[in-house]
Amino acid sequence: MYYDKEGKRISLEEYANLMENFEYRQIDRTHIGKYRISTIWMGLNYNFYSNDEEDKFIFETMIFCEDEENEFHNWEKRYGTLEEAKKGHIEAVNLIKGKQMKKEEMLHMMDILKSILEMKEELEKICSESENEEDNPNNCPFACSLEKEYNEILSWALGNYRYTASKKGKAIEI
């Protein structure tokens, strides 16, 4: 029923001692304008619908807004592992950053992403034409790095922009 940050079962007494330690409970917190994003360790399994040890929710990210009527005020998401919680915090921060982004800014970002993709494809072409085995596209660290960055930024940009757009009830083409 009670778990430490590593997901190991602990006693009620251990849980109570850990709950007194703010630094232990606080995973991350971020302020963006009128928003506050907080990720914490709860220690108690909040997945009341499952008795499965692997299906627990012991971390939580919440978004708070000064404007209590805001669609993201009291937004929450729960996680079973510390790694998921840290990743979830970053996703919540990106959600708010994406919410604040205007359509023109998003389109500009998409142009930059297109340029990154074109550079990556050009590097792969150069590497594939090389007779040196070390220069093939799979061994070109810069091209691989560009691909990774491109995919991460594109995933974030499209995911957050579409989420924001769908919350407004509109379809937006990019």
N, C-alpha and C. Protein backbone atom coordinates (compact mmCIF):
# COMPACT_ATOMS: atom_id res chain seq x y z
N MET A 1 0.81 -1.19 0.00
CA MET A 1 0.00 0.00 0.00
C MET A 1 0.86 1.27 0.00
N TYR A 2 1.99 1.27 0.75
CA TYR A 2 2.90 2.41 0.79
C TYR A 2 4.19 2.04 0.07
N TYR A 3 4.73 3.01 -0.67
CA TYR A 3 5.91 2.75 -1.48
C TYR A 3 6.90 3.91 -1.37
N ASP A 4 8.20 3.58 -1.47
CA ASP A 4 9.20 4.64 -1.53
C ASP A 4 9.36 5.07 -2.99
N LYS A 5 10.27 5.99 -3.25
CA LYS A 5 10.44 6.51 -4.62
C LYS A 5 10.88 5.44 -5.61
N GLU A 6 11.54 4.41 -5.13
CA GLU A 6 11.99 3.33 -6.01
C GLU A 6 10.89 2.31 -6.28
N GLY A 7 9.73 2.50 -5.63
CA GLY A 7 8.60 1.60 -5.84
C GLY A 7 8.60 0.39 -4.92
N LYS A 8 9.48 0.38 -3.92
CA LYS A 8 9.52 -0.73 -2.96
C LYS A 8 8.50 -0.47 -1.85
N ARG A 9 7.84 -1.55 -1.42
CA ARG A 9 6.88 -1.44 -0.32
C ARG A 9 7.59 -1.00 0.96
N ILE A 10 6.93 -0.10 1.70
CA ILE A 10 7.47 0.36 2.97
C ILE A 10 6.36 0.33 4.03
N SER A 11 6.76 0.40 5.28
CA SER A 11 5.78 0.39 6.37
C SER A 11 5.13 1.77 6.50
N LEU A 12 4.05 1.80 7.26
CA LEU A 12 3.36 3.07 7.53
C LEU A 12 4.31 4.04 8.24
N GLU A 13 5.12 3.53 9.14
CA GLU A 13 6.06 4.39 9.87
C GLU A 13 7.10 4.99 8.92
N GLU A 14 7.64 4.16 8.01
CA GLU A 14 8.62 4.67 7.04
C GLU A 14 7.96 5.71 6.14
N TYR A 15 6.73 5.43 5.73
CA TYR A 15 5.98 6.36 4.88
C TYR A 15 5.79 7.70 5.59
N ALA A 16 5.40 7.67 6.85
CA ALA A 16 5.18 8.89 7.62
C ALA A 16 6.47 9.69 7.74
N ASN A 17 7.58 9.02 7.98
CA ASN A 17 8.87 9.71 8.08
C ASN A 17 9.26 10.37 6.76
N LEU A 18 9.05 9.67 5.65
CA LEU A 18 9.38 10.22 4.33
C LEU A 18 8.45 11.40 3.98
N MET A 19 7.20 11.31 4.37
CA MET A 19 6.25 12.39 4.08
C MET A 19 6.64 13.69 4.78
N GLU A 20 7.36 13.61 5.87
CA GLU A 20 7.79 14.80 6.58
C GLU A 20 8.94 15.52 5.87
N ASN A 21 9.58 14.83 4.93
CA ASN A 21 10.74 15.37 4.23
C ASN A 21 10.30 16.00 2.90
N PHE A 22 10.16 17.34 2.88
CA PHE A 22 9.69 18.03 1.67
C PHE A 22 10.58 17.75 0.46
N GLU A 23 11.89 17.76 0.67
CA GLU A 23 12.81 17.52 -0.45
C GLU A 23 12.65 16.12 -1.03
N TYR A 24 12.31 15.17 -0.21
CA TYR A 24 12.07 13.81 -0.70
C TYR A 24 10.78 13.78 -1.52
N ARG A 25 9.74 14.45 -1.03
CA ARG A 25 8.44 14.45 -1.72
C ARG A 25 8.47 15.20 -3.04
N GLN A 26 9.17 16.33 -3.08
CA GLN A 26 9.16 17.19 -4.28
C GLN A 26 10.08 16.60 -5.34
N ILE A 27 9.53 16.26 -6.49
CA ILE A 27 10.32 15.74 -7.61
C ILE A 27 10.80 16.91 -8.46
N ASP A 28 9.88 17.80 -8.82
CA ASP A 28 10.23 18.98 -9.62
C ASP A 28 9.09 19.98 -9.52
N ARG A 29 9.43 21.24 -9.75
CA ARG A 29 8.41 22.29 -9.84
C ARG A 29 8.92 23.37 -10.78
N THR A 30 7.97 23.94 -11.52
CA THR A 30 8.31 24.93 -12.53
C THR A 30 7.23 26.00 -12.53
N HIS A 31 7.65 27.25 -12.67
CA HIS A 31 6.71 28.37 -12.80
C HIS A 31 6.84 28.93 -14.21
N ILE A 32 5.72 29.07 -14.89
CA ILE A 32 5.68 29.67 -16.23
C ILE A 32 4.53 30.67 -16.22
N GLY A 33 4.89 31.94 -16.16
CA GLY A 33 3.86 32.97 -16.13
C GLY A 33 2.89 32.74 -14.99
N LYS A 34 1.61 32.59 -15.32
CA LYS A 34 0.58 32.40 -14.29
C LYS A 34 0.39 30.92 -13.91
N TYR A 35 1.23 30.04 -14.46
CA TYR A 35 1.11 28.61 -14.20
C TYR A 35 2.19 28.11 -13.24
N ARG A 36 1.81 27.13 -12.40
CA ARG A 36 2.76 26.44 -11.54
C ARG A 36 2.58 24.95 -11.78
N ILE A 37 3.67 24.29 -12.17
CA ILE A 37 3.64 22.85 -12.43
C ILE A 37 4.43 22.18 -11.32
N SER A 38 3.82 21.20 -10.67
CA SER A 38 4.44 20.54 -9.54
C SER A 38 4.33 19.03 -9.71
N THR A 39 5.46 18.34 -9.50
CA THR A 39 5.47 16.88 -9.53
C THR A 39 5.97 16.40 -8.18
N ILE A 40 5.18 15.51 -7.57
CA ILE A 40 5.51 15.04 -6.22
C ILE A 40 5.44 13.52 -6.13
N TRP A 41 6.11 13.01 -5.09
CA TRP A 41 5.97 11.62 -4.69
C TRP A 41 4.84 11.58 -3.67
N MET A 42 3.85 10.71 -3.89
CA MET A 42 2.74 10.60 -2.96
C MET A 42 2.92 9.42 -2.01
N GLY A 43 3.64 8.39 -2.45
CA GLY A 43 3.93 7.26 -1.59
C GLY A 43 2.80 6.27 -1.42
N LEU A 44 1.60 6.73 -1.45
CA LEU A 44 0.42 5.88 -1.33
C LEU A 44 -0.06 5.57 -2.75
N ASN A 45 -0.43 4.32 -3.00
CA ASN A 45 -0.89 3.94 -4.33
C ASN A 45 -2.29 4.51 -4.58
N TYR A 46 -2.38 5.42 -5.53
CA TYR A 46 -3.66 6.04 -5.87
C TYR A 46 -4.38 5.34 -7.01
N ASN A 47 -3.90 4.18 -7.41
CA ASN A 47 -4.63 3.41 -8.41
C ASN A 47 -5.55 2.45 -7.66
N PHE A 48 -6.73 2.96 -7.33
CA PHE A 48 -7.67 2.20 -6.53
C PHE A 48 -8.40 1.12 -7.32
N TYR A 49 -8.17 1.09 -8.65
CA TYR A 49 -8.88 0.14 -9.49
C TYR A 49 -8.09 -1.13 -9.75
N SER A 50 -6.88 -1.22 -9.21
CA SER A 50 -6.04 -2.38 -9.48
C SER A 50 -5.30 -2.81 -8.22
N ASN A 51 -5.22 -4.11 -8.03
CA ASN A 51 -4.44 -4.67 -6.93
C ASN A 51 -3.06 -5.11 -7.40
N ASP A 52 -2.79 -4.93 -8.67
CA ASP A 52 -1.52 -5.34 -9.26
C ASP A 52 -0.38 -4.43 -8.77
N GLU A 53 0.67 -5.03 -8.21
CA GLU A 53 1.81 -4.27 -7.70
C GLU A 53 2.48 -3.44 -8.80
N GLU A 54 2.43 -3.91 -10.03
CA GLU A 54 3.08 -3.21 -11.14
C GLU A 54 2.23 -2.07 -11.69
N ASP A 55 1.00 -2.00 -11.27
CA ASP A 55 0.06 -1.01 -11.81
C ASP A 55 -0.29 0.02 -10.74
N LYS A 56 0.73 0.68 -10.20
CA LYS A 56 0.50 1.62 -9.10
C LYS A 56 0.75 3.06 -9.56
N PHE A 57 0.12 3.98 -8.87
CA PHE A 57 0.32 5.41 -9.10
C PHE A 57 0.80 6.02 -7.78
N ILE A 58 2.10 6.31 -7.70
CA ILE A 58 2.66 6.87 -6.46
C ILE A 58 3.30 8.24 -6.67
N PHE A 59 3.21 8.76 -7.91
CA PHE A 59 3.71 10.10 -8.23
C PHE A 59 2.59 10.85 -8.94
N GLU A 60 2.64 12.18 -8.84
CA GLU A 60 1.60 12.98 -9.47
C GLU A 60 2.17 14.32 -9.95
N THR A 61 1.77 14.71 -11.15
CA THR A 61 2.07 16.05 -11.67
C THR A 61 0.75 16.81 -11.72
N MET A 62 0.78 18.04 -11.22
CA MET A 62 -0.40 18.89 -11.30
C MET A 62 -0.01 20.26 -11.86
N ILE A 63 -0.94 20.86 -12.57
CA ILE A 63 -0.78 22.22 -13.07
C ILE A 63 -1.79 23.08 -12.34
N PHE A 64 -1.31 24.19 -11.81
CA PHE A 64 -2.16 25.16 -11.14
C PHE A 64 -2.06 26.48 -11.90
N CYS A 65 -3.14 27.22 -11.91
CA CYS A 65 -3.15 28.51 -12.60
C CYS A 65 -3.78 29.55 -11.69
N GLU A 66 -3.23 30.76 -11.75
CA GLU A 66 -3.81 31.86 -10.95
C GLU A 66 -5.28 32.07 -11.28
N ASP A 67 -5.61 31.85 -12.55
CA ASP A 67 -7.00 31.97 -13.01
C ASP A 67 -7.66 30.60 -12.84
N GLU A 68 -8.48 30.46 -11.82
CA GLU A 68 -9.07 29.16 -11.51
C GLU A 68 -10.06 28.69 -12.57
N GLU A 69 -10.47 29.58 -13.47
CA GLU A 69 -11.37 29.20 -14.56
C GLU A 69 -10.59 28.64 -15.76
N ASN A 70 -9.26 28.72 -15.72
CA ASN A 70 -8.40 28.26 -16.81
C ASN A 70 -8.56 26.76 -17.01
N GLU A 71 -8.55 26.32 -18.28
CA GLU A 71 -8.76 24.91 -18.59
C GLU A 71 -7.70 23.99 -17.99
N PHE A 72 -6.52 24.52 -17.66
CA PHE A 72 -5.46 23.69 -17.11
C PHE A 72 -5.37 23.75 -15.59
N HIS A 73 -6.16 24.59 -14.95
CA HIS A 73 -6.12 24.67 -13.49
C HIS A 73 -6.57 23.32 -12.91
N ASN A 74 -5.75 22.76 -12.03
CA ASN A 74 -5.97 21.46 -11.40
C ASN A 74 -5.83 20.28 -12.36
N TRP A 75 -5.19 20.50 -13.51
CA TRP A 75 -4.86 19.39 -14.42
C TRP A 75 -3.93 18.45 -13.67
N GLU A 76 -4.11 17.15 -13.83
CA GLU A 76 -3.24 16.21 -13.14
C GLU A 76 -2.99 14.95 -13.95
N LYS A 77 -1.86 14.33 -13.65
CA LYS A 77 -1.53 13.04 -14.25
C LYS A 77 -0.70 12.27 -13.23
N ARG A 78 -0.93 10.97 -13.13
CA ARG A 78 -0.24 10.14 -12.14
C ARG A 78 0.63 9.10 -12.81
N TYR A 79 1.67 8.66 -12.06
CA TYR A 79 2.68 7.77 -12.61
C TYR A 79 3.08 6.71 -11.58
N GLY A 80 3.66 5.63 -12.08
CA GLY A 80 4.09 4.53 -11.22
C GLY A 80 5.56 4.54 -10.88
N THR A 81 6.39 5.23 -11.68
CA THR A 81 7.83 5.23 -11.43
C THR A 81 8.37 6.65 -11.40
N LEU A 82 9.52 6.78 -10.76
CA LEU A 82 10.18 8.09 -10.69
C LEU A 82 10.54 8.57 -12.10
N GLU A 83 11.01 7.67 -12.94
CA GLU A 83 11.38 8.04 -14.32
C GLU A 83 10.17 8.58 -15.08
N GLU A 84 9.03 7.90 -14.96
CA GLU A 84 7.81 8.37 -15.62
C GLU A 84 7.40 9.75 -15.08
N ALA A 85 7.54 9.94 -13.77
CA ALA A 85 7.16 11.21 -13.15
C ALA A 85 8.03 12.35 -13.67
N LYS A 86 9.34 12.12 -13.77
CA LYS A 86 10.24 13.16 -14.28
C LYS A 86 9.91 13.49 -15.74
N LYS A 87 9.67 12.46 -16.53
CA LYS A 87 9.30 12.68 -17.93
C LYS A 87 7.94 13.39 -18.02
N GLY A 88 7.01 12.99 -17.17
CA GLY A 88 5.69 13.61 -17.15
C GLY A 88 5.74 15.07 -16.78
N HIS A 89 6.65 15.42 -15.88
CA HIS A 89 6.80 16.83 -15.50
C HIS A 89 7.24 17.65 -16.72
N ILE A 90 8.22 17.14 -17.44
CA ILE A 90 8.70 17.84 -18.64
C ILE A 90 7.57 17.97 -19.66
N GLU A 91 6.78 16.91 -19.82
CA GLU A 91 5.65 16.97 -20.76
C GLU A 91 4.62 18.02 -20.34
N ALA A 92 4.36 18.13 -19.04
CA ALA A 92 3.41 19.14 -18.55
C ALA A 92 3.96 20.55 -18.79
N VAL A 93 5.25 20.74 -18.55
CA VAL A 93 5.88 22.04 -18.82
C VAL A 93 5.75 22.36 -20.31
N ASN A 94 6.04 21.38 -21.15
CA ASN A 94 5.94 21.60 -22.60
C ASN A 94 4.49 21.86 -23.03
N LEU A 95 3.55 21.24 -22.34
CA LEU A 95 2.14 21.47 -22.63
C LEU A 95 1.80 22.94 -22.40
N ILE A 96 2.25 23.49 -21.28
CA ILE A 96 1.97 24.90 -20.98
C ILE A 96 2.75 25.81 -21.93
N LYS A 97 4.00 25.47 -22.22
CA LYS A 97 4.76 26.29 -23.17
C LYS A 97 4.09 26.26 -24.53
N GLY A 98 3.61 25.10 -24.94
CA GLY A 98 2.91 24.98 -26.22
C GLY A 98 1.61 25.74 -26.22
N LYS A 99 0.92 25.75 -25.10
CA LYS A 99 -0.34 26.50 -24.98
C LYS A 99 -0.12 27.98 -25.20
N GLN A 100 1.01 28.46 -24.74
CA GLN A 100 1.29 29.88 -24.85
C GLN A 100 1.85 30.26 -26.22
N MET A 101 2.13 29.28 -27.05
CA MET A 101 2.71 29.55 -28.36
C MET A 101 1.63 29.92 -29.37
N LYS A 102 1.86 30.93 -30.13
CA LYS A 102 0.91 31.36 -31.16
C LYS A 102 1.11 30.53 -32.43
N LYS A 103 0.09 30.52 -33.27
CA LYS A 103 0.13 29.72 -34.49
C LYS A 103 1.31 30.14 -35.36
N GLU A 104 1.59 31.43 -35.47
CA GLU A 104 2.70 31.90 -36.30
C GLU A 104 4.04 31.36 -35.76
N GLU A 105 4.18 31.35 -34.43
CA GLU A 105 5.41 30.82 -33.83
C GLU A 105 5.55 29.34 -34.13
N MET A 106 4.43 28.62 -34.06
CA MET A 106 4.46 27.19 -34.33
C MET A 106 4.85 26.93 -35.79
N LEU A 107 4.29 27.71 -36.71
CA LEU A 107 4.63 27.54 -38.12
C LEU A 107 6.10 27.85 -38.36
N HIS A 108 6.63 28.87 -37.68
CA HIS A 108 8.05 29.18 -37.79
C HIS A 108 8.89 28.02 -37.27
N MET A 109 8.48 27.43 -36.16
CA MET A 109 9.19 26.27 -35.62
C MET A 109 9.17 25.12 -36.62
N MET A 110 8.04 24.94 -37.29
CA MET A 110 7.93 23.85 -38.27
C MET A 110 8.88 24.10 -39.46
N ASP A 111 9.06 25.36 -39.85
CA ASP A 111 10.03 25.68 -40.91
C ASP A 111 11.45 25.31 -40.48
N ILE A 112 11.77 25.61 -39.23
CA ILE A 112 13.10 25.27 -38.70
C ILE A 112 13.28 23.76 -38.68
N LEU A 113 12.24 23.04 -38.26
CA LEU A 113 12.32 21.58 -38.24
C LEU A 113 12.52 21.02 -39.65
N LYS A 114 11.84 21.62 -40.61
CA LYS A 114 11.99 21.18 -42.00
C LYS A 114 13.45 21.38 -42.45
N SER A 115 14.05 22.49 -42.08
CA SER A 115 15.46 22.74 -42.42
C SER A 115 16.38 21.72 -41.77
N ILE A 116 16.09 21.37 -40.50
CA ILE A 116 16.91 20.35 -39.82
C ILE A 116 16.80 19.02 -40.56
N LEU A 117 15.61 18.65 -40.95
CA LEU A 117 15.40 17.40 -41.66
C LEU A 117 16.13 17.41 -43.00
N GLU A 118 16.08 18.53 -43.71
CA GLU A 118 16.79 18.64 -44.99
C GLU A 118 18.30 18.51 -44.79
N MET A 119 18.84 19.13 -43.73
CA MET A 119 20.28 19.01 -43.44
C MET A 119 20.63 17.56 -43.13
N LYS A 120 19.80 16.88 -42.36
CA LYS A 120 20.05 15.49 -42.01
C LYS A 120 20.06 14.62 -43.28
N GLU A 121 19.08 14.84 -44.15
CA GLU A 121 19.02 14.05 -45.39
C GLU A 121 20.24 14.31 -46.27
N GLU A 122 20.69 15.56 -46.33
CA GLU A 122 21.88 15.89 -47.11
C GLU A 122 23.12 15.22 -46.53
N LEU A 123 23.25 15.24 -45.22
CA LEU A 123 24.38 14.56 -44.57
C LEU A 123 24.35 13.06 -44.86
N GLU A 124 23.19 12.46 -44.78
CA GLU A 124 23.08 11.03 -45.06
C GLU A 124 23.46 10.73 -46.51
N LYS A 125 23.06 11.61 -47.41
CA LYS A 125 23.40 11.43 -48.83
C LYS A 125 24.91 11.48 -49.03
N ILE A 126 25.55 12.48 -48.40
CA ILE A 126 27.00 12.61 -48.50
C ILE A 126 27.69 11.39 -47.91
N CYS A 127 27.22 10.95 -46.74
CA CYS A 127 27.82 9.79 -46.09
C CYS A 127 27.62 8.52 -46.91
N SER A 128 26.46 8.35 -47.53
CA SER A 128 26.20 7.12 -48.30
C SER A 128 27.02 7.07 -49.58
N GLU A 129 27.42 8.23 -50.10
CA GLU A 129 28.23 8.27 -51.32
C GLU A 129 29.70 8.03 -51.03
N SER A 130 30.07 8.09 -49.77
CA SER A 130 31.46 7.89 -49.37
C SER A 130 31.80 6.40 -49.43
N GLU A 131 33.04 6.10 -49.83
CA GLU A 131 33.48 4.71 -49.88
C GLU A 131 33.97 4.25 -48.52
N ASN A 132 34.22 5.16 -47.61
CA ASN A 132 34.70 4.84 -46.27
C ASN A 132 33.53 4.30 -45.45
N GLU A 133 33.65 3.07 -44.93
CA GLU A 133 32.57 2.44 -44.18
C GLU A 133 32.17 3.26 -42.95
N GLU A 134 33.12 3.96 -42.33
CA GLU A 134 32.83 4.75 -41.14
C GLU A 134 31.94 5.95 -41.45
N ASP A 135 31.86 6.32 -42.72
CA ASP A 135 31.07 7.49 -43.10
C ASP A 135 29.65 7.14 -43.55
N ASN A 136 29.24 5.88 -43.40
CA ASN A 136 27.88 5.57 -43.86
C ASN A 136 26.87 6.24 -42.93
N PRO A 137 25.63 6.45 -43.39
CA PRO A 137 24.64 7.23 -42.64
C PRO A 137 24.41 6.72 -41.21
N ASN A 138 24.50 5.42 -41.01
CA ASN A 138 24.25 4.88 -39.67
C ASN A 138 25.40 5.18 -38.72
N ASN A 139 26.57 5.52 -39.25
CA ASN A 139 27.72 5.82 -38.40
C ASN A 139 28.03 7.31 -38.36
N CYS A 140 27.16 8.12 -38.91
CA CYS A 140 27.39 9.57 -38.94
C CYS A 140 26.74 10.18 -37.69
N PRO A 141 27.54 10.45 -36.65
CA PRO A 141 26.97 10.92 -35.39
C PRO A 141 26.17 12.22 -35.53
N PHE A 142 26.64 13.12 -36.39
CA PHE A 142 25.93 14.39 -36.52
C PHE A 142 24.55 14.17 -37.14
N ALA A 143 24.48 13.31 -38.17
CA ALA A 143 23.18 13.04 -38.80
C ALA A 143 22.25 12.35 -37.81
N CYS A 144 22.78 11.40 -37.03
CA CYS A 144 21.97 10.70 -36.03
C CYS A 144 21.48 11.68 -34.96
N SER A 145 22.35 12.61 -34.56
CA SER A 145 21.98 13.61 -33.56
C SER A 145 20.88 14.51 -34.10
N LEU A 146 21.01 14.93 -35.36
CA LEU A 146 19.97 15.77 -35.96
C LEU A 146 18.64 15.03 -36.02
N GLU A 147 18.69 13.76 -36.36
CA GLU A 147 17.46 12.98 -36.45
C GLU A 147 16.79 12.89 -35.07
N LYS A 148 17.58 12.63 -34.05
CA LYS A 148 17.04 12.53 -32.70
C LYS A 148 16.40 13.86 -32.28
N GLU A 149 17.13 14.96 -32.47
CA GLU A 149 16.60 16.28 -32.11
C GLU A 149 15.33 16.59 -32.90
N TYR A 150 15.36 16.30 -34.19
CA TYR A 150 14.20 16.56 -35.03
C TYR A 150 12.98 15.81 -34.52
N ASN A 151 13.16 14.51 -34.25
CA ASN A 151 12.03 13.69 -33.80
C ASN A 151 11.48 14.16 -32.46
N GLU A 152 12.36 14.52 -31.53
CA GLU A 152 11.91 14.99 -30.22
C GLU A 152 11.15 16.31 -30.34
N ILE A 153 11.69 17.24 -31.10
CA ILE A 153 11.03 18.55 -31.24
C ILE A 153 9.71 18.40 -32.00
N LEU A 154 9.72 17.62 -33.06
CA LEU A 154 8.50 17.43 -33.84
C LEU A 154 7.41 16.77 -33.00
N SER A 155 7.77 15.76 -32.25
CA SER A 155 6.79 15.08 -31.40
C SER A 155 6.20 16.05 -30.38
N TRP A 156 7.06 16.83 -29.74
CA TRP A 156 6.58 17.81 -28.77
C TRP A 156 5.69 18.85 -29.44
N ALA A 157 6.17 19.40 -30.55
CA ALA A 157 5.45 20.50 -31.21
C ALA A 157 4.08 20.05 -31.70
N LEU A 158 4.04 18.95 -32.40
CA LEU A 158 2.76 18.49 -32.94
C LEU A 158 1.82 18.03 -31.84
N GLY A 159 2.35 17.29 -30.90
CA GLY A 159 1.52 16.80 -29.81
C GLY A 159 0.91 17.91 -29.01
N ASN A 160 1.70 18.90 -28.63
CA ASN A 160 1.18 19.99 -27.81
C ASN A 160 0.28 20.91 -28.61
N TYR A 161 0.63 21.17 -29.86
CA TYR A 161 -0.18 22.08 -30.65
C TYR A 161 -1.54 21.45 -30.95
N ARG A 162 -1.52 20.18 -31.30
CA ARG A 162 -2.79 19.50 -31.58
C ARG A 162 -3.64 19.41 -30.32
N TYR A 163 -2.98 19.13 -29.18
CA TYR A 163 -3.73 19.06 -27.92
C TYR A 163 -4.40 20.40 -27.63
N THR A 164 -3.65 21.46 -27.76
CA THR A 164 -4.19 22.80 -27.50
C THR A 164 -5.32 23.10 -28.48
N ALA A 165 -5.10 22.76 -29.75
CA ALA A 165 -6.12 23.02 -30.76
C ALA A 165 -7.38 22.21 -30.48
N SER A 166 -7.21 20.95 -30.10
CA SER A 166 -8.39 20.12 -29.87
C SER A 166 -9.17 20.59 -28.64
N LYS A 167 -8.47 21.16 -27.65
CA LYS A 167 -9.16 21.68 -26.47
C LYS A 167 -10.04 22.86 -26.86
N LYS A 168 -9.66 23.57 -27.91
CA LYS A 168 -10.46 24.71 -28.37
C LYS A 168 -11.54 24.26 -29.33
N GLY A 169 -11.56 22.97 -29.66
CA GLY A 169 -12.59 22.44 -30.55
C GLY A 169 -12.36 22.76 -32.01
N LYS A 170 -11.11 23.03 -32.38
CA LYS A 170 -10.81 23.35 -33.78
C LYS A 170 -9.76 22.38 -34.32
N ALA A 171 -9.86 22.11 -35.59
CA ALA A 171 -8.81 21.34 -36.25
C ALA A 171 -7.87 22.35 -36.88
N ILE A 172 -6.58 22.14 -36.68
CA ILE A 172 -5.58 23.07 -37.21
C ILE A 172 -4.62 22.29 -38.08
N GLU A 173 -4.44 22.75 -39.27
CA GLU A 173 -3.50 22.09 -40.19
C GLU A 173 -2.15 22.76 -40.11
N ILE A 174 -1.13 21.92 -40.11
CA ILE A 174 0.25 22.43 -40.10
C ILE A 174 0.92 21.98 -41.38
